[in-house]
Amino acid sequence: MSRERQHKHGAPVTMRDIAKEAAVSVATVSHVVNNKEGARIGEETRQRVHEAIDHLGYRTNALAKTLSVGSSRFIGLVADAIATTPFAGQIIHGAQDEAWKHGYVLLVANTEGNQAAENDAIAMMLEHQVKGILYSTWYHREIDVPESLHQTDTVLVDCFSTGSRLPAVVPNEQQGGKTATEELITAGHQRIAFINTTTPSPALTGRLAGYRSALEAAEIDFDESLVIPALPEQEGGYEATAAIIASGATAVFCHNDRVAMGLYDGLREQGLDVPKDMAVVGFDNQEVIAAHLRPPLSTVALPHYELGAAGIRVLLGLEPEQDDEMYLIECPAIRRQSV
């Protein structure tokens, strides 16, 4: 059913009906409904029109208004897979809440990496004259921007494109790595290992830089032998256990929570206790893992909700401009019992 209230005979309420009810012209009703600047309409006449609108339940035609002003109250979000990943779906949640706060509705298209679906989704959003589009990926990486995104205001979320000049809202990987390492230093550890991913990514380089920065700030010498490469999965953490024990480390910063889960298993098999024999910090705050390990895992959160919310604010011009168009979102520490 149409959002417009209908007469008892089924016809929607029109401006002509309002004009008849208020005893004014259709043009006057149009000027009042659209708040036309410069229209010479007395306050008493405006009041009569508003009363008629309330009485008859008239609603403006949103699509017609969109066509007349050239934009709508919609914001698009095109994602490759975040709606089907348990923690990255918070990007949608954050964007939706922030859009609603500013009077916009979010149109979401989850493409699962299908190029044809992505092109169709962007085309549909452009046809609806969205205010702009957030383009997001489920993990932080560099992308090639679809050409059609240059037809409207676009903000990249959890991804970036060198040379595109599109603003990008991304997690501060270096700060996150530093924060994770500082948690262990503050607990009194000096020999801290880092299980890093083997997958080339901003997370690989950024978290390693943060680890080194924290050590330097604490005047702890960097020991390359304490950086242990592993697959960024549970198996990677499990397989790194022997190298961790042989290193003499008393604490470990793991590239992500899945790696930490595998390390837990490996340490347990060797009769070692977390945190008495080995302190462990993860990264991501994938709560289905981190909060339910025994002991619960201290970690650093990827700020997915805030990434989505900040993306909307950047799109609407509510964030201070950055010279390099890169908006870094802080990754906070989540303290549990593994340190």
C-alpha atoms as a PDB file:
ATOM      1  CA  MET A   1       0.000   0.000   0.000  1.00  0.00           C
ATOM      2  CA  SER A   2       1.163   3.548  -0.726  1.00  0.00           C
ATOM      3  CA  ARG A   3       2.465   5.630   2.182  1.00  0.00           C
ATOM      4  CA  GLU A   4      -0.113   8.273   1.188  1.00  0.00           C
ATOM      5  CA  ARG A   5      -3.368   8.081   3.092  1.00  0.00           C
ATOM      6  CA  GLN A   6      -6.191   7.133   0.752  1.00  0.00           C
ATOM      7  CA  HIS A   7      -9.772   8.299   0.422  1.00  0.00           C
ATOM      8  CA  LYS A   8     -12.470   5.825   1.275  1.00  0.00           C
ATOM      9  CA  HIS A   9     -12.832   5.183  -2.471  1.00  0.00           C
ATOM     10  CA  GLY A  10      -9.134   4.176  -2.722  1.00  0.00           C
ATOM     11  CA  ALA A  11      -7.623   7.304  -4.306  1.00  0.00           C
ATOM     12  CA  PRO A  12      -4.590   8.842  -2.586  1.00  0.00           C
ATOM     13  CA  VAL A  13      -4.837  12.324  -1.121  1.00  0.00           C
ATOM     14  CA  THR A  14      -3.512  14.891  -3.616  1.00  0.00           C
ATOM     15  CA  MET A  15      -2.464  18.542  -3.511  1.00  0.00           C
ATOM     16  CA  ARG A  16      -5.768  19.345  -5.222  1.00  0.00           C
ATOM     17  CA  ASP A  17      -7.617  17.794  -2.264  1.00  0.00           C
ATOM     18  CA  ILE A  18      -5.555  19.890   0.153  1.00  0.00           C
ATOM     19  CA  ALA A  19      -6.211  23.037  -1.891  1.00  0.00           C
ATOM     20  CA  LYS A  20      -9.971  22.390  -1.815  1.00  0.00           C
ATOM     21  CA  GLU A  21      -9.945  21.703   1.943  1.00  0.00           C
ATOM     22  CA  ALA A  22      -7.905  24.859   2.700  1.00  0.00           C
ATOM     23  CA  ALA A  23      -9.680  27.029   0.093  1.00  0.00           C
ATOM     24  CA  VAL A  24      -6.425  27.968  -1.651  1.00  0.00           C
ATOM     25  CA  SER A  25      -4.821  27.275  -5.029  1.00  0.00           C
ATOM     26  CA  VAL A  26      -2.824  24.129  -5.824  1.00  0.00           C
ATOM     27  CA  ALA A  27       0.210  26.378  -6.393  1.00  0.00           C
ATOM     28  CA  THR A  28      -0.093  27.718  -2.850  1.00  0.00           C
ATOM     29  CA  VAL A  29      -0.207  24.174  -1.458  1.00  0.00           C
ATOM     30  CA  SER A  30       2.886  23.280  -3.498  1.00  0.00           C
ATOM     31  CA  HIS A  31       4.781  26.305  -2.182  1.00  0.00           C
ATOM     32  CA  VAL A  32       3.920  25.431   1.422  1.00  0.00           C
ATOM     33  CA  VAL A  33       4.713  21.710   1.079  1.00  0.00           C
ATOM     34  CA  ASN A  34       8.080  22.385  -0.578  1.00  0.00           C
ATOM     35  CA  ASN A  35       8.969  25.400   1.612  1.00  0.00           C
ATOM     36  CA  LYS A  36       9.528  27.456  -1.507  1.00  0.00           C
ATOM     37  CA  GLU A  37      11.740  30.437  -0.778  1.00  0.00           C
ATOM     38  CA  GLY A  38      10.320  33.858  -1.618  1.00  0.00           C
ATOM     39  CA  ALA A  39       6.720  32.653  -1.824  1.00  0.00           C
ATOM     40  CA  ARG A  40       4.439  35.412  -0.499  1.00  0.00           C
ATOM     41  CA  ILE A  41       2.051  33.393   1.612  1.00  0.00           C
ATOM     42  CA  GLY A  42       0.530  34.745   4.797  1.00  0.00           C
ATOM     43  CA  GLU A  43       0.933  32.918   8.092  1.00  0.00           C
ATOM     44  CA  GLU A  44      -2.810  32.340   8.399  1.00  0.00           C
ATOM     45  CA  THR A  45      -2.895  30.738   4.929  1.00  0.00           C
ATOM     46  CA  ARG A  46       0.087  28.532   5.745  1.00  0.00           C
ATOM     47  CA  GLN A  47      -1.674  27.437   8.916  1.00  0.00           C
ATOM     48  CA  ARG A  48      -4.819  26.473   6.968  1.00  0.00           C
ATOM     49  CA  VAL A  49      -2.750  24.413   4.529  1.00  0.00           C
ATOM     50  CA  HIS A  50      -0.938  22.598   7.342  1.00  0.00           C
ATOM     51  CA  GLU A  51      -4.226  21.881   9.096  1.00  0.00           C
ATOM     52  CA  ALA A  52      -5.651  20.441   5.865  1.00  0.00           C
ATOM     53  CA  ILE A  53      -2.533  18.303   5.428  1.00  0.00           C
ATOM     54  CA  ASP A  54      -2.884  16.947   8.966  1.00  0.00           C
ATOM     55  CA  HIS A  55      -6.617  16.371   8.598  1.00  0.00           C
ATOM     56  CA  LEU A  56      -6.422  14.514   5.293  1.00  0.00           C
ATOM     57  CA  GLY A  57      -3.125  12.751   6.036  1.00  0.00           C
ATOM     58  CA  TYR A  58      -1.306  13.955   2.925  1.00  0.00           C
ATOM     59  CA  ARG A  59       2.201  12.612   2.351  1.00  0.00           C
ATOM     60  CA  THR A  60       4.632  13.997  -0.215  1.00  0.00           C
ATOM     61  CA  ASN A  61       5.787  11.796  -3.072  1.00  0.00           C
ATOM     62  CA  ALA A  62       9.405  11.047  -2.094  1.00  0.00           C
ATOM     63  CA  LEU A  63      10.454   9.902  -5.576  1.00  0.00           C
ATOM     64  CA  ALA A  64       9.054  13.022  -7.247  1.00  0.00           C
ATOM     65  CA  LYS A  65      10.819  15.196  -4.705  1.00  0.00           C
ATOM     66  CA  THR A  66      14.065  13.311  -5.343  1.00  0.00           C
ATOM     67  CA  LEU A  67      13.794  13.989  -9.059  1.00  0.00           C
ATOM     68  CA  SER A  68      13.101  17.676  -8.470  1.00  0.00           C
ATOM     69  CA  VAL A  69      15.987  18.370  -6.083  1.00  0.00           C
ATOM     70  CA  GLY A  70      18.527  15.958  -7.589  1.00  0.00           C
ATOM     71  CA  SER A  71      19.224  13.831  -4.513  1.00  0.00           C
ATOM     72  CA  SER A  72      17.394  11.627  -2.033  1.00  0.00           C
ATOM     73  CA  ARG A  73      17.485  10.754   1.658  1.00  0.00           C
ATOM     74  CA  PHE A  74      19.158   7.465   0.808  1.00  0.00           C
ATOM     75  CA  ILE A  75      22.817   6.528   1.264  1.00  0.00           C
ATOM     76  CA  GLY A  76      24.126   3.410  -0.454  1.00  0.00           C
ATOM     77  CA  LEU A  77      26.462   0.823   1.059  1.00  0.00           C
ATOM     78  CA  VAL A  78      28.047  -1.714  -1.279  1.00  0.00           C
ATOM     79  CA  ALA A  79      29.940  -4.533   0.433  1.00  0.00           C
ATOM     80  CA  ASP A  80      31.756  -7.622  -0.767  1.00  0.00           C
ATOM     81  CA  ALA A  81      30.897  -9.929   2.141  1.00  0.00           C
ATOM     82  CA  ILE A  82      30.561  -8.029   5.411  1.00  0.00           C
ATOM     83  CA  ALA A  83      26.896  -8.883   5.900  1.00  0.00           C
ATOM     84  CA  THR A  84      27.825 -12.573   6.178  1.00  0.00           C
ATOM     85  CA  THR A  85      30.843 -12.232   8.479  1.00  0.00           C
ATOM     86  CA  PRO A  86      29.959 -12.173  12.193  1.00  0.00           C
ATOM     87  CA  PHE A  87      32.120  -9.265  13.330  1.00  0.00           C
ATOM     88  CA  ALA A  88      32.583  -7.212  10.154  1.00  0.00           C
ATOM     89  CA  GLY A  89      28.786  -6.940   9.832  1.00  0.00           C
ATOM     90  CA  GLN A  90      29.088  -4.281  12.524  1.00  0.00           C
ATOM     91  CA  ILE A  91      30.179  -1.930   9.707  1.00  0.00           C
ATOM     92  CA  ILE A  92      26.593  -2.022   8.418  1.00  0.00           C
ATOM     93  CA  HIS A  93      25.232  -1.535  11.920  1.00  0.00           C
ATOM     94  CA  GLY A  94      27.402   1.534  12.547  1.00  0.00           C
ATOM     95  CA  ALA A  95      26.635   3.063   9.159  1.00  0.00           C
ATOM     96  CA  GLN A  96      22.911   2.440   9.557  1.00  0.00           C
ATOM     97  CA  ASP A  97      22.755   4.026  13.013  1.00  0.00           C
ATOM     98  CA  GLU A  98      24.749   7.087  11.933  1.00  0.00           C
ATOM     99  CA  ALA A  99      22.759   7.553   8.716  1.00  0.00           C
ATOM    100  CA  TRP A 100      19.481   7.400  10.617  1.00  0.00           C
ATOM    101  CA  LYS A 101      20.785   9.931  13.136  1.00  0.00           C
ATOM    102  CA  HIS A 102      21.173  12.454  10.289  1.00  0.00           C
ATOM    103  CA  GLY A 103      17.869  11.713   8.585  1.00  0.00           C
ATOM    104  CA  TYR A 104      19.063   9.207   5.963  1.00  0.00           C
ATOM    105  CA  VAL A 105      18.151   5.609   5.227  1.00  0.00           C
ATOM    106  CA  LEU A 106      20.837   3.084   4.254  1.00  0.00           C
ATOM    107  CA  LEU A 107      20.432   0.973   1.108  1.00  0.00           C
ATOM    108  CA  VAL A 108      22.658  -2.113   1.495  1.00  0.00           C
ATOM    109  CA  ALA A 109      23.887  -4.408  -1.261  1.00  0.00           C
ATOM    110  CA  ASN A 110      26.003  -7.421  -0.281  1.00  0.00           C
ATOM    111  CA  THR A 111      27.609  -8.677  -3.493  1.00  0.00           C
ATOM    112  CA  GLU A 112      29.736 -11.619  -2.258  1.00  0.00           C
ATOM    113  CA  GLY A 113      32.453 -10.404  -4.624  1.00  0.00           C
ATOM    114  CA  ASN A 114      30.276 -10.906  -7.734  1.00  0.00           C
ATOM    115  CA  GLN A 115      31.316  -8.209 -10.218  1.00  0.00           C
ATOM    116  CA  ALA A 116      28.023  -8.221 -12.138  1.00  0.00           C
ATOM    117  CA  ALA A 117      26.015  -7.944  -8.913  1.00  0.00           C
ATOM    118  CA  GLU A 118      28.247  -5.092  -7.763  1.00  0.00           C
ATOM    119  CA  ASN A 119      27.789  -3.164 -11.015  1.00  0.00           C
ATOM    120  CA  ASP A 120      24.007  -3.660 -10.884  1.00  0.00           C
ATOM    121  CA  ALA A 121      23.851  -2.523  -7.251  1.00  0.00           C
ATOM    122  CA  ILE A 122      25.803   0.660  -7.919  1.00  0.00           C
ATOM    123  CA  ALA A 123      23.688   1.405 -11.008  1.00  0.00           C
ATOM    124  CA  MET A 124      20.484   0.963  -8.988  1.00  0.00           C
ATOM    125  CA  MET A 125      21.743   3.309  -6.284  1.00  0.00           C
ATOM    126  CA  LEU A 126      22.721   5.932  -8.847  1.00  0.00           C
ATOM    127  CA  GLU A 127      19.250   5.677 -10.419  1.00  0.00           C
ATOM    128  CA  HIS A 128      17.760   6.396  -6.992  1.00  0.00           C
ATOM    129  CA  GLN A 129      20.037   9.457  -6.773  1.00  0.00           C
ATOM    130  CA  VAL A 130      21.545   8.449  -3.436  1.00  0.00           C
ATOM    131  CA  LYS A 131      23.358  11.093  -1.425  1.00  0.00           C
ATOM    132  CA  GLY A 132      26.502   9.030  -1.841  1.00  0.00           C
ATOM    133  CA  ILE A 133      27.901   5.506  -1.497  1.00  0.00           C
ATOM    134  CA  LEU A 134      30.050   3.732   1.067  1.00  0.00           C
ATOM    135  CA  TYR A 135      32.116   0.989  -0.556  1.00  0.00           C
ATOM    136  CA  SER A 136      33.372  -1.566   1.946  1.00  0.00           C
ATOM    137  CA  THR A 137      35.370  -4.780   2.123  1.00  0.00           C
ATOM    138  CA  TRP A 138      35.297  -7.342   4.920  1.00  0.00           C
ATOM    139  CA  TYR A 139      39.019  -7.039   5.636  1.00  0.00           C
ATOM    140  CA  HIS A 140      41.414  -4.095   5.334  1.00  0.00           C
ATOM    141  CA  ARG A 141      43.085  -4.070   1.905  1.00  0.00           C
ATOM    142  CA  GLU A 142      43.864  -2.025  -1.196  1.00  0.00           C
ATOM    143  CA  ILE A 143      41.287  -2.195  -3.981  1.00  0.00           C
ATOM    144  CA  ASP A 144      40.639  -1.122  -7.549  1.00  0.00           C
ATOM    145  CA  VAL A 145      37.711   1.294  -7.386  1.00  0.00           C
ATOM    146  CA  PRO A 146      34.767   0.477  -9.705  1.00  0.00           C
ATOM    147  CA  GLU A 147      34.611   3.227 -12.319  1.00  0.00           C
ATOM    148  CA  SER A 148      30.917   3.917 -11.696  1.00  0.00           C
ATOM    149  CA  LEU A 149      31.632   5.036  -8.114  1.00  0.00           C
ATOM    150  CA  HIS A 150      33.170   8.224  -9.510  1.00  0.00           C
ATOM    151  CA  GLN A 151      29.667   9.324 -10.565  1.00  0.00           C
ATOM    152  CA  THR A 152      28.702  10.181  -6.975  1.00  0.00           C
ATOM    153  CA  ASP A 153      30.294  11.066  -3.658  1.00  0.00           C
ATOM    154  CA  THR A 154      32.018   7.907  -2.427  1.00  0.00           C
ATOM    155  CA  VAL A 155      33.831   6.929   0.762  1.00  0.00           C
ATOM    156  CA  LEU A 156      35.884   3.739   1.031  1.00  0.00           C
ATOM    157  CA  VAL A 157      35.447   1.834   4.304  1.00  0.00           C
ATOM    158  CA  ASP A 158      37.964  -0.745   5.575  1.00  0.00           C
ATOM    159  CA  CYS A 159      39.760  -0.442   2.251  1.00  0.00           C
ATOM    160  CA  PHE A 160      41.678   2.165   0.251  1.00  0.00           C
ATOM    161  CA  SER A 161      42.836   2.920  -3.279  1.00  0.00           C
ATOM    162  CA  THR A 162      46.172   4.615  -3.838  1.00  0.00           C
ATOM    163  CA  GLY A 163      45.880   7.491  -6.299  1.00  0.00           C
ATOM    164  CA  SER A 164      42.074   7.482  -6.485  1.00  0.00           C
ATOM    165  CA  ARG A 165      41.722  10.552  -4.226  1.00  0.00           C
ATOM    166  CA  LEU A 166      38.647   8.961  -2.651  1.00  0.00           C
ATOM    167  CA  PRO A 167      38.509   9.358   1.141  1.00  0.00           C
ATOM    168  CA  ALA A 168      39.146   6.093   3.004  1.00  0.00           C
ATOM    169  CA  VAL A 169      38.150   5.196   6.561  1.00  0.00           C
ATOM    170  CA  VAL A 170      40.433   2.414   7.831  1.00  0.00           C
ATOM    171  CA  PRO A 171      41.607   0.889  11.121  1.00  0.00           C
ATOM    172  CA  ASN A 172      44.847   2.287  12.527  1.00  0.00           C
ATOM    173  CA  GLU A 173      46.841  -0.937  12.264  1.00  0.00           C
ATOM    174  CA  GLN A 174      50.075   0.556  13.601  1.00  0.00           C
ATOM    175  CA  GLN A 175      48.398   2.053  16.656  1.00  0.00           C
ATOM    176  CA  GLY A 176      46.621  -1.263  17.242  1.00  0.00           C
ATOM    177  CA  GLY A 177      49.876  -3.227  17.112  1.00  0.00           C
ATOM    178  CA  LYS A 178      51.492  -0.780  19.498  1.00  0.00           C
ATOM    179  CA  THR A 179      48.563  -0.970  21.909  1.00  0.00           C
ATOM    180  CA  ALA A 180      48.648  -4.789  21.925  1.00  0.00           C
ATOM    181  CA  THR A 181      52.373  -4.845  22.677  1.00  0.00           C
ATOM    182  CA  GLU A 182      52.053  -2.175  25.362  1.00  0.00           C
ATOM    183  CA  GLU A 183      49.512  -4.351  27.179  1.00  0.00           C
ATOM    184  CA  LEU A 184      52.243  -6.975  27.607  1.00  0.00           C
ATOM    185  CA  ILE A 185      54.980  -4.480  28.459  1.00  0.00           C
ATOM    186  CA  THR A 186      52.795  -2.872  31.110  1.00  0.00           C
ATOM    187  CA  ALA A 187      52.279  -6.325  32.658  1.00  0.00           C
ATOM    188  CA  GLY A 188      56.047  -6.563  33.124  1.00  0.00           C
ATOM    189  CA  HIS A 189      57.121  -8.625  30.110  1.00  0.00           C
ATOM    190  CA  GLN A 190      60.384  -7.871  28.324  1.00  0.00           C
ATOM    191  CA  ARG A 191      60.790 -10.830  25.953  1.00  0.00           C
ATOM    192  CA  ILE A 192      57.692 -10.584  23.776  1.00  0.00           C
ATOM    193  CA  ALA A 193      57.172 -12.667  20.643  1.00  0.00           C
ATOM    194  CA  PHE A 194      54.957 -11.632  17.744  1.00  0.00           C
ATOM    195  CA  ILE A 195      53.204 -14.206  15.561  1.00  0.00           C
ATOM    196  CA  ASN A 196      52.634 -12.266  12.339  1.00  0.00           C
ATOM    197  CA  THR A 197      50.652 -13.240   9.253  1.00  0.00           C
ATOM    198  CA  THR A 198      52.248 -14.506   6.050  1.00  0.00           C
ATOM    199  CA  THR A 199      49.554 -12.751   3.983  1.00  0.00           C
ATOM    200  CA  PRO A 200      50.697  -9.413   2.440  1.00  0.00           C
ATOM    201  CA  SER A 201      48.376  -6.744   3.798  1.00  0.00           C
ATOM    202  CA  PRO A 202      48.229  -3.424   5.673  1.00  0.00           C
ATOM    203  CA  ALA A 203      47.717  -5.526   8.825  1.00  0.00           C
ATOM    204  CA  LEU A 204      51.008  -7.359   8.315  1.00  0.00           C
ATOM    205  CA  THR A 205      53.118  -4.220   7.971  1.00  0.00           C
ATOM    206  CA  GLY A 206      51.095  -1.970  10.271  1.00  0.00           C
ATOM    207  CA  ARG A 207      50.931  -4.312  13.269  1.00  0.00           C
ATOM    208  CA  LEU A 208      54.628  -5.157  12.953  1.00  0.00           C
ATOM    209  CA  ALA A 209      55.463  -1.436  12.909  1.00  0.00           C
ATOM    210  CA  GLY A 210      53.335  -0.948  16.017  1.00  0.00           C
ATOM    211  CA  TYR A 211      55.049  -3.852  17.783  1.00  0.00           C
ATOM    212  CA  ARG A 212      58.468  -2.367  17.051  1.00  0.00           C
ATOM    213  CA  SER A 213      57.332   1.109  18.078  1.00  0.00           C
ATOM    214  CA  ALA A 214      56.138  -0.126  21.486  1.00  0.00           C
ATOM    215  CA  LEU A 215      59.415  -1.959  22.101  1.00  0.00           C
ATOM    216  CA  GLU A 216      61.433   1.104  21.139  1.00  0.00           C
ATOM    217  CA  ALA A 217      59.396   3.356  23.418  1.00  0.00           C
ATOM    218  CA  ALA A 218      60.041   0.950  26.306  1.00  0.00           C
ATOM    219  CA  GLU A 219      63.771   0.735  25.413  1.00  0.00           C
ATOM    220  CA  ILE A 220      63.523  -2.975  24.642  1.00  0.00           C
ATOM    221  CA  ASP A 221      65.792  -4.135  21.815  1.00  0.00           C
ATOM    222  CA  PHE A 222      64.008  -5.525  18.772  1.00  0.00           C
ATOM    223  CA  ASP A 223      64.908  -9.195  18.216  1.00  0.00           C
ATOM    224  CA  GLU A 224      63.964 -10.375  14.725  1.00  0.00           C
ATOM    225  CA  SER A 225      63.988 -14.010  15.896  1.00  0.00           C
ATOM    226  CA  LEU A 226      60.940 -13.222  18.047  1.00  0.00           C
ATOM    227  CA  VAL A 227      58.837 -12.378  14.961  1.00  0.00           C
ATOM    228  CA  ILE A 228      57.406 -15.704  13.837  1.00  0.00           C
ATOM    229  CA  PRO A 229      55.484 -15.919  10.529  1.00  0.00           C
ATOM    230  CA  ALA A 230      52.377 -18.112  10.455  1.00  0.00           C
ATOM    231  CA  LEU A 231      49.165 -18.623   8.548  1.00  0.00           C
ATOM    232  CA  PRO A 232      46.529 -16.241   9.999  1.00  0.00           C
ATOM    233  CA  GLU A 233      44.378 -19.155  11.165  1.00  0.00           C
ATOM    234  CA  GLN A 234      44.101 -21.446  14.168  1.00  0.00           C
ATOM    235  CA  GLU A 235      46.496 -23.913  12.539  1.00  0.00           C
ATOM    236  CA  GLY A 236      49.105 -21.162  12.181  1.00  0.00           C
ATOM    237  CA  GLY A 237      49.064 -20.417  15.904  1.00  0.00           C
ATOM    238  CA  TYR A 238      49.182 -24.090  16.805  1.00  0.00           C
ATOM    239  CA  GLU A 239      52.120 -24.753  14.503  1.00  0.00           C
ATOM    240  CA  ALA A 240      54.036 -21.731  15.873  1.00  0.00           C
ATOM    241  CA  THR A 241      53.927 -23.103  19.439  1.00  0.00           C
ATOM    242  CA  ALA A 242      57.264 -24.901  19.287  1.00  0.00           C
ATOM    243  CA  ALA A 243      59.056 -21.816  17.976  1.00  0.00           C
ATOM    244  CA  ILE A 244      57.447 -19.676  20.684  1.00  0.00           C
ATOM    245  CA  ILE A 245      58.584 -21.994  23.461  1.00  0.00           C
ATOM    246  CA  ALA A 246      62.103 -22.271  21.980  1.00  0.00           C
ATOM    247  CA  SER A 247      62.396 -18.465  21.786  1.00  0.00           C
ATOM    248  CA  GLY A 248      62.264 -18.068  25.550  1.00  0.00           C
ATOM    249  CA  ALA A 249      59.418 -15.537  25.260  1.00  0.00           C
ATOM    250  CA  THR A 250      57.187 -14.987  28.269  1.00  0.00           C
ATOM    251  CA  ALA A 251      54.467 -13.260  26.281  1.00  0.00           C
ATOM    252  CA  VAL A 252      53.041 -13.374  22.759  1.00  0.00           C
ATOM    253  CA  PHE A 253      51.203 -10.856  20.609  1.00  0.00           C
ATOM    254  CA  CYS A 254      49.196 -12.799  18.021  1.00  0.00           C
ATOM    255  CA  HIS A 255      48.245 -11.369  14.621  1.00  0.00           C
ATOM    256  CA  ASN A 256      44.587 -12.229  15.272  1.00  0.00           C
ATOM    257  CA  ASP A 257      42.308 -14.080  17.678  1.00  0.00           C
ATOM    258  CA  ARG A 258      42.233 -17.241  15.547  1.00  0.00           C
ATOM    259  CA  VAL A 259      46.025 -17.500  15.789  1.00  0.00           C
ATOM    260  CA  ALA A 260      45.756 -17.004  19.558  1.00  0.00           C
ATOM    261  CA  MET A 261      43.195 -19.823  19.762  1.00  0.00           C
ATOM    262  CA  GLY A 262      45.611 -22.206  18.032  1.00  0.00           C
ATOM    263  CA  LEU A 263      48.443 -21.093  20.308  1.00  0.00           C
ATOM    264  CA  TYR A 264      46.259 -21.812  23.353  1.00  0.00           C
ATOM    265  CA  ASP A 265      45.839 -25.391  22.106  1.00  0.00           C
ATOM    266  CA  GLY A 266      49.554 -25.827  21.474  1.00  0.00           C
ATOM    267  CA  LEU A 267      50.580 -24.445  24.852  1.00  0.00           C
ATOM    268  CA  ARG A 268      48.030 -26.609  26.639  1.00  0.00           C
ATOM    269  CA  GLU A 269      49.410 -29.730  24.959  1.00  0.00           C
ATOM    270  CA  GLN A 270      52.857 -28.805  26.301  1.00  0.00           C
ATOM    271  CA  GLY A 271      51.480 -28.446  29.822  1.00  0.00           C
ATOM    272  CA  LEU A 272      51.836 -24.653  29.847  1.00  0.00           C
ATOM    273  CA  ASP A 273      49.293 -22.347  31.447  1.00  0.00           C
ATOM    274  CA  VAL A 274      47.927 -19.051  30.116  1.00  0.00           C
ATOM    275  CA  PRO A 275      48.701 -16.549  31.588  1.00  0.00           C
ATOM    276  CA  LYS A 276      50.936 -18.041  34.343  1.00  0.00           C
ATOM    277  CA  ASP A 277      53.499 -19.514  31.938  1.00  0.00           C
ATOM    278  CA  MET A 278      52.718 -17.428  28.839  1.00  0.00           C
ATOM    279  CA  ALA A 279      50.747 -14.205  28.489  1.00  0.00           C
ATOM    280  CA  VAL A 280      48.811 -13.884  25.228  1.00  0.00           C
ATOM    281  CA  VAL A 281      47.199 -10.937  23.417  1.00  0.00           C
ATOM    282  CA  GLY A 282      45.207 -11.284  20.202  1.00  0.00           C
ATOM    283  CA  PHE A 283      43.806  -8.843  17.647  1.00  0.00           C
ATOM    284  CA  ASP A 284      40.301  -8.361  16.161  1.00  0.00           C
ATOM    285  CA  ASN A 285      38.098  -8.992  19.218  1.00  0.00           C
ATOM    286  CA  GLN A 286      36.164 -11.636  17.328  1.00  0.00           C
ATOM    287  CA  GLU A 287      33.962 -12.198  20.368  1.00  0.00           C
ATOM    288  CA  VAL A 288      32.760 -15.660  19.403  1.00  0.00           C
ATOM    289  CA  ILE A 289      36.411 -16.641  19.942  1.00  0.00           C
ATOM    290  CA  ALA A 290      38.060 -14.131  22.279  1.00  0.00           C
ATOM    291  CA  ALA A 291      35.415 -13.927  24.997  1.00  0.00           C
ATOM    292  CA  HIS A 292      34.922 -17.708  25.149  1.00  0.00           C
ATOM    293  CA  LEU A 293      38.474 -19.009  25.303  1.00  0.00           C
ATOM    294  CA  ARG A 294      39.671 -20.245  28.693  1.00  0.00           C
ATOM    295  CA  PRO A 295      40.963 -17.956  30.016  1.00  0.00           C
ATOM    296  CA  PRO A 296      39.141 -15.230  28.033  1.00  0.00           C
ATOM    297  CA  LEU A 297      41.550 -13.564  25.609  1.00  0.00           C
ATOM    298  CA  SER A 298      42.849 -10.030  25.994  1.00  0.00           C
ATOM    299  CA  THR A 299      42.858  -8.504  22.540  1.00  0.00           C
ATOM    300  CA  VAL A 300      42.695  -5.330  20.475  1.00  0.00           C
ATOM    301  CA  ALA A 301      39.418  -4.612  18.707  1.00  0.00           C
ATOM    302  CA  LEU A 302      38.996  -3.879  15.035  1.00  0.00           C
ATOM    303  CA  PRO A 303      36.520  -0.969  15.317  1.00  0.00           C
ATOM    304  CA  HIS A 304      34.015  -2.148  12.701  1.00  0.00           C
ATOM    305  CA  TYR A 305      31.021  -0.277  14.120  1.00  0.00           C
ATOM    306  CA  GLU A 306      32.976   2.983  14.250  1.00  0.00           C
ATOM    307  CA  LEU A 307      34.339   2.414  10.719  1.00  0.00           C
ATOM    308  CA  GLY A 308      30.770   2.363   9.387  1.00  0.00           C
ATOM    309  CA  ALA A 309      29.664   5.342  11.473  1.00  0.00           C
ATOM    310  CA  ALA A 310      32.724   7.393  10.531  1.00  0.00           C
ATOM    311  CA  GLY A 311      32.179   6.547   6.868  1.00  0.00           C
ATOM    312  CA  ILE A 312      28.758   8.199   7.010  1.00  0.00           C
ATOM    313  CA  ARG A 313      30.155  11.267   8.781  1.00  0.00           C
ATOM    314  CA  VAL A 314      32.912  11.657   6.184  1.00  0.00           C
ATOM    315  CA  LEU A 315      30.364  11.311   3.364  1.00  0.00           C
ATOM    316  CA  LEU A 316      28.168  14.008   4.925  1.00  0.00           C
ATOM    317  CA  GLY A 317      31.120  16.343   5.502  1.00  0.00           C
ATOM    318  CA  LEU A 318      30.902  16.074   9.295  1.00  0.00           C
ATOM    319  CA  GLU A 319      34.529  15.051   9.881  1.00  0.00           C
ATOM    320  CA  PRO A 320      37.533  17.419   9.621  1.00  0.00           C
ATOM    321  CA  GLU A 321      39.230  16.966   6.251  1.00  0.00           C
ATOM    322  CA  GLN A 322      42.484  14.990   6.147  1.00  0.00           C
ATOM    323  CA  ASP A 323      45.321  16.050   3.846  1.00  0.00           C
ATOM    324  CA  ASP A 324      45.894  12.512   2.566  1.00  0.00           C
ATOM    325  CA  GLU A 325      42.162  11.598   2.564  1.00  0.00           C
ATOM    326  CA  MET A 326      42.947   8.719   4.988  1.00  0.00           C
ATOM    327  CA  TYR A 327      40.863   8.623   8.166  1.00  0.00           C
ATOM    328  CA  LEU A 328      42.470   6.338  10.772  1.00  0.00           C
ATOM    329  CA  ILE A 329      40.145   4.850  13.385  1.00  0.00           C
ATOM    330  CA  GLU A 330      41.684   3.803  16.704  1.00  0.00           C
ATOM    331  CA  CYS A 331      41.765   0.119  17.684  1.00  0.00           C
ATOM    332  CA  PRO A 332      41.095  -0.084  21.457  1.00  0.00           C
ATOM    333  CA  ALA A 333      42.436  -2.642  23.918  1.00  0.00           C
ATOM    334  CA  ILE A 334      39.953  -5.185  25.306  1.00  0.00           C
ATOM    335  CA  ARG A 335      41.323  -6.498  28.592  1.00  0.00           C
ATOM    336  CA  ARG A 336      40.410 -10.002  29.737  1.00  0.00           C
ATOM    337  CA  GLN A 337      42.314 -12.683  31.686  1.00  0.00           C
ATOM    338  CA  SER A 338      45.079 -13.887  29.332  1.00  0.00           C
ATOM    339  CA  VAL A 339      47.657 -11.337  30.524  1.00  0.00           C
END
